[in-house]
Amino acid sequence: MLPSQSMPPSNDSRHTPASMDPSLEERANHCFGCGPNNPQGLHLVFYTDETLPQSPVATADFQLDRMHEGPPGYVHGGIVATLLDEAMSKLNRSLDVLAVTRRLEVDYLRPVPLHQKLKLVGRHSHREGRKLFHHAEILAPDGTALAKARGVFIQLDKALLARAGLTESGS
């Protein structure tokens, strides 16, 4: 190696020490969909109706701009899928579980316009063991469905999360 070249840092120096790892809640604050601390995020704010605790509904009003553009004047399809996934994932907290997306099916019914106030709605359907079944839709101001999705989420094991230091206990 030439004197002007330096060694790349070891892997150890690039990682945060375990004692400084952010908590699960701190990590959630950086979520691309709803995290307030993510400068490039969508900053969605959800309201959850838990009137029927076993059938929660999560809603968010949103309006996107050219940063989220796919076809001219419309939201990129990947962002549409992200919005729908986010609406469904919000239901997991109401059901008191931490779960991850296993399957996401999106039906793109109409182009989703930029610069318009739209509504995102997620609904819990049912549960089979660790599998949670949800659906979501993006609605135009007149209530027309622009996109719909169905998703399956898998509940993560609380004891495993506790052993990994992501939660306080395994109960």
N, C-alpha and C. Protein backbone atom coordinates (compact mmCIF):
# COMPACT_ATOMS: atom_id res chain seq x y z
N MET A 1 0.84 -1.17 0.00
CA MET A 1 0.00 0.00 0.00
C MET A 1 0.89 1.24 0.00
N LEU A 2 0.53 2.21 -0.82
CA LEU A 2 1.28 3.46 -0.90
C LEU A 2 1.04 4.30 0.35
N PRO A 3 2.00 5.13 0.76
CA PRO A 3 1.85 5.96 1.96
C PRO A 3 0.63 6.89 1.90
N SER A 4 0.22 7.34 0.71
CA SER A 4 -0.91 8.27 0.61
C SER A 4 -2.26 7.55 0.74
N GLN A 5 -2.25 6.23 0.63
CA GLN A 5 -3.50 5.48 0.76
C GLN A 5 -3.73 5.13 2.23
N SER A 6 -4.97 5.12 2.60
CA SER A 6 -5.27 4.73 3.98
C SER A 6 -6.12 3.47 3.98
N MET A 7 -6.09 2.79 5.09
CA MET A 7 -6.86 1.57 5.25
C MET A 7 -8.33 1.93 5.46
N PRO A 8 -9.25 1.17 4.87
CA PRO A 8 -10.66 1.42 5.16
C PRO A 8 -10.94 1.12 6.63
N PRO A 9 -11.92 1.79 7.20
CA PRO A 9 -12.22 1.53 8.61
C PRO A 9 -12.68 0.08 8.79
N SER A 10 -12.41 -0.48 9.96
CA SER A 10 -12.89 -1.83 10.24
C SER A 10 -14.40 -1.79 10.39
N ASN A 11 -15.02 -2.93 10.25
CA ASN A 11 -16.47 -3.01 10.41
C ASN A 11 -16.90 -2.54 11.78
N ASP A 12 -16.09 -2.80 12.80
CA ASP A 12 -16.46 -2.41 14.16
C ASP A 12 -16.64 -0.91 14.30
N SER A 13 -15.85 -0.12 13.61
CA SER A 13 -15.93 1.33 13.77
C SER A 13 -17.11 1.94 13.03
N ARG A 14 -17.76 1.18 12.15
CA ARG A 14 -18.89 1.73 11.39
C ARG A 14 -20.23 1.46 12.05
N HIS A 15 -20.27 0.69 13.10
CA HIS A 15 -21.52 0.30 13.73
C HIS A 15 -21.67 0.98 15.08
N THR A 16 -22.91 1.28 15.41
CA THR A 16 -23.19 1.88 16.71
C THR A 16 -23.00 0.84 17.80
N PRO A 17 -22.32 1.18 18.87
CA PRO A 17 -22.17 0.22 19.98
C PRO A 17 -23.55 -0.18 20.49
N ALA A 18 -23.67 -1.42 20.97
CA ALA A 18 -24.95 -1.94 21.45
C ALA A 18 -25.55 -1.04 22.52
N SER A 19 -24.71 -0.44 23.35
CA SER A 19 -25.22 0.42 24.42
C SER A 19 -25.86 1.69 23.88
N MET A 20 -25.62 2.03 22.62
CA MET A 20 -26.18 3.24 22.04
C MET A 20 -27.26 2.94 20.99
N ASP A 21 -27.63 1.66 20.83
CA ASP A 21 -28.66 1.30 19.86
C ASP A 21 -29.96 2.00 20.21
N PRO A 22 -30.66 2.54 19.19
CA PRO A 22 -31.94 3.18 19.47
C PRO A 22 -32.99 2.15 19.87
N SER A 23 -33.95 2.58 20.67
CA SER A 23 -35.04 1.70 21.08
C SER A 23 -35.96 1.47 19.88
N LEU A 24 -36.85 0.53 20.03
CA LEU A 24 -37.82 0.24 18.98
C LEU A 24 -38.67 1.47 18.67
N GLU A 25 -39.06 2.19 19.72
CA GLU A 25 -39.87 3.40 19.54
C GLU A 25 -39.08 4.48 18.79
N GLU A 26 -37.79 4.64 19.12
CA GLU A 26 -36.95 5.61 18.41
C GLU A 26 -36.79 5.23 16.94
N ARG A 27 -36.67 3.94 16.68
CA ARG A 27 -36.57 3.48 15.29
C ARG A 27 -37.85 3.76 14.53
N ALA A 28 -38.99 3.60 15.19
CA ALA A 28 -40.28 3.86 14.55
C ALA A 28 -40.41 5.33 14.15
N ASN A 29 -39.77 6.22 14.89
CA ASN A 29 -39.82 7.64 14.56
C ASN A 29 -39.10 7.96 13.26
N HIS A 30 -38.37 7.00 12.71
CA HIS A 30 -37.67 7.20 11.44
C HIS A 30 -38.36 6.45 10.29
N CYS A 31 -39.53 5.90 10.54
CA CYS A 31 -40.28 5.16 9.53
C CYS A 31 -40.52 6.04 8.30
N PHE A 32 -40.31 5.49 7.11
CA PHE A 32 -40.51 6.26 5.88
C PHE A 32 -41.96 6.73 5.74
N GLY A 33 -42.91 5.93 6.15
CA GLY A 33 -44.31 6.30 5.98
C GLY A 33 -44.80 7.32 6.99
N CYS A 34 -44.53 7.08 8.27
CA CYS A 34 -45.13 7.94 9.31
C CYS A 34 -44.14 8.58 10.26
N GLY A 35 -42.86 8.29 10.11
CA GLY A 35 -41.89 8.80 11.07
C GLY A 35 -41.66 10.29 10.97
N PRO A 36 -41.82 11.00 12.08
CA PRO A 36 -41.61 12.45 12.07
C PRO A 36 -40.13 12.83 11.93
N ASN A 37 -39.21 11.90 12.22
CA ASN A 37 -37.79 12.21 12.17
C ASN A 37 -37.13 11.83 10.85
N ASN A 38 -37.90 11.40 9.87
CA ASN A 38 -37.33 11.02 8.58
C ASN A 38 -37.51 12.19 7.61
N PRO A 39 -36.44 12.90 7.26
CA PRO A 39 -36.59 14.09 6.41
C PRO A 39 -37.14 13.78 5.00
N GLN A 40 -36.93 12.58 4.50
CA GLN A 40 -37.46 12.22 3.19
C GLN A 40 -38.78 11.46 3.28
N GLY A 41 -39.29 11.24 4.49
CA GLY A 41 -40.49 10.43 4.68
C GLY A 41 -41.77 11.11 4.24
N LEU A 42 -42.85 10.34 4.27
CA LEU A 42 -44.17 10.83 3.87
C LEU A 42 -44.87 11.59 4.99
N HIS A 43 -44.43 11.40 6.23
CA HIS A 43 -44.97 12.09 7.41
C HIS A 43 -46.49 11.93 7.54
N LEU A 44 -46.98 10.74 7.29
CA LEU A 44 -48.40 10.46 7.43
C LEU A 44 -48.80 10.49 8.90
N VAL A 45 -49.95 11.06 9.18
CA VAL A 45 -50.49 11.10 10.53
C VAL A 45 -51.79 10.31 10.50
N PHE A 46 -51.83 9.22 11.25
CA PHE A 46 -53.00 8.34 11.26
C PHE A 46 -53.87 8.57 12.47
N TYR A 47 -55.16 8.39 12.26
CA TYR A 47 -56.15 8.40 13.32
C TYR A 47 -56.77 7.02 13.32
N THR A 48 -56.85 6.41 14.49
CA THR A 48 -57.35 5.05 14.57
C THR A 48 -58.66 5.02 15.33
N ASP A 49 -59.65 4.40 14.72
CA ASP A 49 -60.96 4.19 15.35
C ASP A 49 -60.95 2.78 15.92
N GLU A 50 -60.98 2.72 17.24
CA GLU A 50 -60.97 1.43 17.93
C GLU A 50 -62.30 1.19 18.62
N THR A 51 -63.39 1.76 18.07
CA THR A 51 -64.72 1.56 18.64
C THR A 51 -65.02 0.08 18.75
N LEU A 52 -64.67 -0.67 17.73
CA LEU A 52 -64.75 -2.13 17.75
C LEU A 52 -63.31 -2.63 17.86
N PRO A 53 -62.84 -2.96 19.07
CA PRO A 53 -61.42 -3.29 19.28
C PRO A 53 -60.88 -4.40 18.37
N GLN A 54 -61.70 -5.34 17.97
CA GLN A 54 -61.23 -6.42 17.11
C GLN A 54 -61.29 -6.05 15.63
N SER A 55 -61.79 -4.86 15.31
CA SER A 55 -61.88 -4.40 13.92
C SER A 55 -61.45 -2.94 13.80
N PRO A 56 -60.23 -2.62 14.15
CA PRO A 56 -59.80 -1.21 14.08
C PRO A 56 -59.74 -0.70 12.64
N VAL A 57 -59.90 0.62 12.51
CA VAL A 57 -59.79 1.30 11.22
C VAL A 57 -58.80 2.44 11.39
N ALA A 58 -57.81 2.51 10.49
CA ALA A 58 -56.81 3.58 10.53
C ALA A 58 -57.01 4.47 9.30
N THR A 59 -57.04 5.79 9.50
CA THR A 59 -57.20 6.71 8.38
C THR A 59 -56.15 7.82 8.45
N ALA A 60 -55.79 8.31 7.28
CA ALA A 60 -54.87 9.45 7.18
C ALA A 60 -55.24 10.25 5.95
N ASP A 61 -55.25 11.56 6.10
CA ASP A 61 -55.39 12.45 4.94
C ASP A 61 -53.99 12.80 4.48
N PHE A 62 -53.81 12.90 3.18
CA PHE A 62 -52.48 13.21 2.66
C PHE A 62 -52.59 13.91 1.31
N GLN A 63 -51.51 14.55 0.94
CA GLN A 63 -51.39 15.21 -0.36
C GLN A 63 -49.92 15.16 -0.74
N LEU A 64 -49.62 14.59 -1.89
CA LEU A 64 -48.23 14.43 -2.31
C LEU A 64 -47.89 15.40 -3.44
N ASP A 65 -46.58 15.62 -3.62
CA ASP A 65 -46.14 16.56 -4.64
C ASP A 65 -45.20 15.89 -5.64
N ARG A 66 -44.52 16.68 -6.43
CA ARG A 66 -43.69 16.14 -7.52
C ARG A 66 -42.56 15.24 -7.05
N MET A 67 -42.17 15.33 -5.79
CA MET A 67 -41.13 14.44 -5.29
C MET A 67 -41.59 12.98 -5.36
N HIS A 68 -42.90 12.76 -5.41
CA HIS A 68 -43.48 11.41 -5.40
C HIS A 68 -44.05 11.03 -6.76
N GLU A 69 -43.66 11.76 -7.79
CA GLU A 69 -44.23 11.59 -9.12
C GLU A 69 -43.70 10.35 -9.84
N GLY A 70 -44.60 9.69 -10.54
CA GLY A 70 -44.28 8.61 -11.48
C GLY A 70 -44.63 9.15 -12.84
N PRO A 71 -45.79 8.74 -13.38
CA PRO A 71 -46.24 9.36 -14.63
C PRO A 71 -46.53 10.84 -14.37
N PRO A 72 -46.35 11.71 -15.35
CA PRO A 72 -46.57 13.14 -15.10
C PRO A 72 -47.94 13.44 -14.47
N GLY A 73 -47.87 14.10 -13.31
CA GLY A 73 -49.09 14.50 -12.61
C GLY A 73 -49.65 13.46 -11.65
N TYR A 74 -49.01 12.30 -11.58
CA TYR A 74 -49.55 11.21 -10.75
C TYR A 74 -48.48 10.61 -9.84
N VAL A 75 -48.95 9.98 -8.76
CA VAL A 75 -48.07 9.37 -7.78
C VAL A 75 -47.43 8.10 -8.36
N HIS A 76 -46.16 7.92 -8.07
CA HIS A 76 -45.42 6.72 -8.49
C HIS A 76 -46.08 5.47 -7.90
N GLY A 77 -46.17 4.41 -8.67
CA GLY A 77 -46.82 3.18 -8.22
C GLY A 77 -46.20 2.58 -6.97
N GLY A 78 -44.90 2.69 -6.81
CA GLY A 78 -44.24 2.18 -5.61
C GLY A 78 -44.64 2.96 -4.37
N ILE A 79 -44.86 4.26 -4.53
CA ILE A 79 -45.33 5.08 -3.40
C ILE A 79 -46.77 4.73 -3.07
N VAL A 80 -47.58 4.46 -4.10
CA VAL A 80 -48.97 4.02 -3.86
C VAL A 80 -48.95 2.75 -3.01
N ALA A 81 -48.11 1.78 -3.38
CA ALA A 81 -48.01 0.53 -2.61
C ALA A 81 -47.55 0.82 -1.18
N THR A 82 -46.61 1.74 -1.03
CA THR A 82 -46.11 2.10 0.30
C THR A 82 -47.23 2.70 1.15
N LEU A 83 -48.02 3.58 0.57
CA LEU A 83 -49.13 4.20 1.30
C LEU A 83 -50.10 3.13 1.81
N LEU A 84 -50.45 2.20 0.94
CA LEU A 84 -51.40 1.15 1.31
C LEU A 84 -50.82 0.24 2.39
N ASP A 85 -49.56 -0.11 2.25
CA ASP A 85 -48.88 -0.95 3.24
C ASP A 85 -48.84 -0.24 4.59
N GLU A 86 -48.57 1.04 4.56
CA GLU A 86 -48.50 1.83 5.80
C GLU A 86 -49.86 1.87 6.50
N ALA A 87 -50.94 2.05 5.74
CA ALA A 87 -52.28 2.09 6.34
C ALA A 87 -52.61 0.76 7.02
N MET A 88 -52.21 -0.33 6.39
CA MET A 88 -52.48 -1.64 6.98
C MET A 88 -51.59 -1.89 8.20
N SER A 89 -50.33 -1.48 8.13
CA SER A 89 -49.42 -1.74 9.24
C SER A 89 -49.85 -0.98 10.50
N LYS A 90 -50.49 0.15 10.35
CA LYS A 90 -50.94 0.92 11.51
C LYS A 90 -51.95 0.14 12.34
N LEU A 91 -52.65 -0.80 11.73
CA LEU A 91 -53.65 -1.59 12.45
C LEU A 91 -53.00 -2.52 13.47
N ASN A 92 -51.77 -2.92 13.23
CA ASN A 92 -51.10 -3.87 14.12
C ASN A 92 -50.93 -3.30 15.53
N ARG A 93 -50.61 -2.03 15.61
CA ARG A 93 -50.44 -1.40 16.93
C ARG A 93 -51.76 -1.42 17.70
N SER A 94 -52.87 -1.17 17.01
CA SER A 94 -54.18 -1.21 17.66
C SER A 94 -54.51 -2.60 18.17
N LEU A 95 -53.98 -3.61 17.49
CA LEU A 95 -54.20 -5.00 17.89
C LEU A 95 -53.14 -5.47 18.89
N ASP A 96 -52.27 -4.54 19.32
CA ASP A 96 -51.21 -4.77 20.31
C ASP A 96 -50.22 -5.84 19.87
N VAL A 97 -49.83 -5.77 18.59
CA VAL A 97 -48.81 -6.69 18.08
C VAL A 97 -47.79 -5.92 17.26
N LEU A 98 -46.59 -6.47 17.20
CA LEU A 98 -45.57 -5.98 16.29
C LEU A 98 -45.52 -7.01 15.18
N ALA A 99 -45.78 -6.58 13.96
CA ALA A 99 -45.87 -7.51 12.83
C ALA A 99 -45.20 -6.90 11.61
N VAL A 100 -44.80 -7.76 10.69
CA VAL A 100 -44.18 -7.33 9.45
C VAL A 100 -45.00 -7.83 8.27
N THR A 101 -44.89 -7.12 7.16
CA THR A 101 -45.62 -7.49 5.96
C THR A 101 -45.08 -8.79 5.39
N ARG A 102 -45.98 -9.71 5.15
CA ARG A 102 -45.59 -10.96 4.49
C ARG A 102 -45.99 -10.92 3.03
N ARG A 103 -47.20 -10.42 2.78
CA ARG A 103 -47.69 -10.37 1.39
C ARG A 103 -48.49 -9.09 1.21
N LEU A 104 -48.33 -8.48 0.06
CA LEU A 104 -49.05 -7.26 -0.29
C LEU A 104 -49.52 -7.39 -1.72
N GLU A 105 -50.82 -7.30 -1.93
CA GLU A 105 -51.41 -7.31 -3.28
C GLU A 105 -52.05 -5.96 -3.52
N VAL A 106 -51.66 -5.31 -4.58
CA VAL A 106 -52.19 -3.97 -4.89
C VAL A 106 -52.97 -4.02 -6.19
N ASP A 107 -54.14 -3.42 -6.17
CA ASP A 107 -54.94 -3.20 -7.37
C ASP A 107 -54.92 -1.70 -7.66
N TYR A 108 -54.29 -1.34 -8.76
CA TYR A 108 -54.22 0.07 -9.18
C TYR A 108 -55.45 0.32 -10.04
N LEU A 109 -56.48 0.95 -9.47
CA LEU A 109 -57.75 1.13 -10.15
C LEU A 109 -57.77 2.35 -11.07
N ARG A 110 -57.21 3.45 -10.58
CA ARG A 110 -57.13 4.71 -11.33
C ARG A 110 -55.82 5.39 -10.94
N PRO A 111 -55.28 6.24 -11.81
CA PRO A 111 -54.07 6.97 -11.42
C PRO A 111 -54.34 7.82 -10.17
N VAL A 112 -53.37 7.86 -9.26
CA VAL A 112 -53.49 8.62 -8.02
C VAL A 112 -52.85 9.99 -8.26
N PRO A 113 -53.67 11.05 -8.25
CA PRO A 113 -53.15 12.37 -8.62
C PRO A 113 -52.29 13.02 -7.55
N LEU A 114 -51.34 13.81 -8.02
CA LEU A 114 -50.54 14.67 -7.14
C LEU A 114 -51.35 15.92 -6.82
N HIS A 115 -50.93 16.65 -5.79
CA HIS A 115 -51.47 17.97 -5.44
C HIS A 115 -52.97 17.95 -5.13
N GLN A 116 -53.50 16.81 -4.68
CA GLN A 116 -54.90 16.72 -4.27
C GLN A 116 -54.97 16.09 -2.89
N LYS A 117 -55.90 16.57 -2.08
CA LYS A 117 -56.10 15.96 -0.77
C LYS A 117 -56.83 14.63 -0.97
N LEU A 118 -56.19 13.57 -0.49
CA LEU A 118 -56.72 12.22 -0.63
C LEU A 118 -56.81 11.58 0.75
N LYS A 119 -57.50 10.46 0.82
CA LYS A 119 -57.68 9.76 2.09
C LYS A 119 -57.17 8.33 1.96
N LEU A 120 -56.50 7.89 2.99
CA LEU A 120 -55.96 6.54 3.09
C LEU A 120 -56.71 5.85 4.23
N VAL A 121 -57.26 4.66 3.95
CA VAL A 121 -58.03 3.94 4.95
C VAL A 121 -57.56 2.49 5.02
N GLY A 122 -57.25 2.03 6.22
CA GLY A 122 -56.87 0.63 6.44
C GLY A 122 -57.84 -0.01 7.39
N ARG A 123 -58.21 -1.27 7.10
CA ARG A 123 -59.16 -2.00 7.95
C ARG A 123 -58.63 -3.40 8.24
N HIS A 124 -58.82 -3.82 9.47
CA HIS A 124 -58.45 -5.19 9.86
C HIS A 124 -59.59 -6.12 9.44
N SER A 125 -59.24 -7.24 8.85
CA SER A 125 -60.24 -8.22 8.42
C SER A 125 -60.38 -9.34 9.45
N HIS A 126 -59.30 -10.10 9.64
CA HIS A 126 -59.34 -11.20 10.60
C HIS A 126 -57.93 -11.67 10.92
N ARG A 127 -57.88 -12.65 11.82
CA ARG A 127 -56.60 -13.17 12.29
C ARG A 127 -56.66 -14.69 12.27
N GLU A 128 -55.54 -15.29 11.89
CA GLU A 128 -55.39 -16.75 11.95
C GLU A 128 -54.03 -17.03 12.59
N GLY A 129 -54.03 -17.31 13.88
CA GLY A 129 -52.78 -17.51 14.60
C GLY A 129 -51.93 -16.25 14.56
N ARG A 130 -50.70 -16.35 14.03
CA ARG A 130 -49.81 -15.19 13.93
C ARG A 130 -50.08 -14.36 12.69
N LYS A 131 -50.95 -14.82 11.80
CA LYS A 131 -51.24 -14.09 10.57
C LYS A 131 -52.38 -13.09 10.78
N LEU A 132 -52.13 -11.85 10.38
CA LEU A 132 -53.14 -10.79 10.45
C LEU A 132 -53.50 -10.40 9.02
N PHE A 133 -54.78 -10.35 8.73
CA PHE A 133 -55.26 -10.03 7.39
C PHE A 133 -55.91 -8.65 7.41
N HIS A 134 -55.38 -7.76 6.56
CA HIS A 134 -55.86 -6.38 6.50
C HIS A 134 -56.17 -6.01 5.04
N HIS A 135 -56.89 -4.92 4.87
CA HIS A 135 -57.05 -4.34 3.53
C HIS A 135 -57.04 -2.82 3.66
N ALA A 136 -56.75 -2.15 2.55
CA ALA A 136 -56.64 -0.69 2.56
C ALA A 136 -57.06 -0.13 1.20
N GLU A 137 -57.32 1.16 1.20
CA GLU A 137 -57.65 1.83 -0.05
C GLU A 137 -57.27 3.30 0.01
N ILE A 138 -57.03 3.85 -1.16
CA ILE A 138 -56.80 5.29 -1.32
C ILE A 138 -58.05 5.84 -1.98
N LEU A 139 -58.62 6.89 -1.37
CA LEU A 139 -59.88 7.45 -1.85
C LEU A 139 -59.70 8.88 -2.34
N ALA A 140 -60.35 9.18 -3.45
CA ALA A 140 -60.42 10.55 -3.98
C ALA A 140 -61.37 11.35 -3.09
N PRO A 141 -61.38 12.68 -3.23
CA PRO A 141 -62.27 13.50 -2.40
C PRO A 141 -63.75 13.11 -2.53
N ASP A 142 -64.16 12.59 -3.69
CA ASP A 142 -65.57 12.20 -3.87
C ASP A 142 -65.84 10.76 -3.40
N GLY A 143 -64.82 10.10 -2.80
CA GLY A 143 -65.00 8.75 -2.29
C GLY A 143 -64.66 7.64 -3.27
N THR A 144 -64.27 8.00 -4.49
CA THR A 144 -63.90 7.00 -5.49
C THR A 144 -62.60 6.32 -5.07
N ALA A 145 -62.59 4.98 -5.13
CA ALA A 145 -61.38 4.23 -4.80
C ALA A 145 -60.40 4.32 -5.97
N LEU A 146 -59.19 4.78 -5.68
CA LEU A 146 -58.14 4.91 -6.68
C LEU A 146 -57.21 3.70 -6.69
N ALA A 147 -57.01 3.11 -5.52
CA ALA A 147 -56.16 1.92 -5.38
C ALA A 147 -56.62 1.16 -4.15
N LYS A 148 -56.50 -0.16 -4.21
CA LYS A 148 -56.87 -1.02 -3.09
C LYS A 148 -55.77 -2.04 -2.88
N ALA A 149 -55.69 -2.54 -1.65
CA ALA A 149 -54.69 -3.57 -1.35
C ALA A 149 -55.23 -4.54 -0.31
N ARG A 150 -54.67 -5.73 -0.37
CA ARG A 150 -54.88 -6.75 0.64
C ARG A 150 -53.50 -7.13 1.15
N GLY A 151 -53.40 -7.34 2.45
CA GLY A 151 -52.09 -7.69 3.01
C GLY A 151 -52.19 -8.74 4.09
N VAL A 152 -51.12 -9.49 4.20
CA VAL A 152 -50.97 -10.45 5.29
C VAL A 152 -49.74 -10.01 6.07
N PHE A 153 -49.90 -9.90 7.38
CA PHE A 153 -48.82 -9.50 8.27
C PHE A 153 -48.56 -10.64 9.25
N ILE A 154 -47.29 -10.83 9.60
CA ILE A 154 -46.92 -11.89 10.53
C ILE A 154 -46.49 -11.27 11.85
N GLN A 155 -47.15 -11.69 12.93
CA GLN A 155 -46.81 -11.20 14.26
C GLN A 155 -45.45 -11.73 14.66
N LEU A 156 -44.59 -10.83 15.14
CA LEU A 156 -43.27 -11.22 15.62
C LEU A 156 -43.37 -11.72 17.06
N ASP A 157 -42.55 -12.67 17.40
CA ASP A 157 -42.53 -13.27 18.72
C ASP A 157 -41.98 -12.27 19.75
N LYS A 158 -42.76 -11.97 20.78
CA LYS A 158 -42.35 -10.98 21.79
C LYS A 158 -41.10 -11.41 22.56
N ALA A 159 -40.98 -12.69 22.85
CA ALA A 159 -39.81 -13.17 23.59
C ALA A 159 -38.54 -13.00 22.74
N LEU A 160 -38.65 -13.26 21.46
CA LEU A 160 -37.51 -13.10 20.55
C LEU A 160 -37.11 -11.62 20.47
N LEU A 161 -38.09 -10.73 20.40
CA LEU A 161 -37.80 -9.30 20.37
C LEU A 161 -37.11 -8.85 21.66
N ALA A 162 -37.55 -9.39 22.79
CA ALA A 162 -36.94 -9.03 24.07
C ALA A 162 -35.50 -9.52 24.13
N ARG A 163 -35.25 -10.74 23.66
CA ARG A 163 -33.87 -11.26 23.67
C ARG A 163 -32.97 -10.44 22.77
N ALA A 164 -33.53 -9.85 21.72
CA ALA A 164 -32.75 -9.02 20.81
C ALA A 164 -32.58 -7.60 21.36
N GLY A 165 -33.22 -7.31 22.50
CA GLY A 165 -33.10 -6.00 23.11
C GLY A 165 -34.00 -4.94 22.49
N LEU A 166 -35.00 -5.38 21.73
CA LEU A 166 -35.89 -4.42 21.07
C LEU A 166 -37.13 -4.08 21.89
N THR A 167 -37.46 -4.92 22.87
CA THR A 167 -38.56 -4.64 23.77
C THR A 167 -38.09 -4.94 25.18
N GLU A 168 -38.90 -4.54 26.15
CA GLU A 168 -38.49 -4.69 27.54
C GLU A 168 -38.68 -6.10 28.08
N SER A 169 -39.73 -6.79 27.65
CA SER A 169 -39.97 -8.13 28.19
C SER A 169 -40.54 -9.01 27.10
N GLY A 170 -40.56 -10.27 27.37
CA GLY A 170 -41.08 -11.24 26.42
C GLY A 170 -42.52 -11.63 26.71
N SER A 171 -43.22 -10.88 27.54
CA SER A 171 -44.60 -11.23 27.87
C SER A 171 -45.57 -10.68 26.87
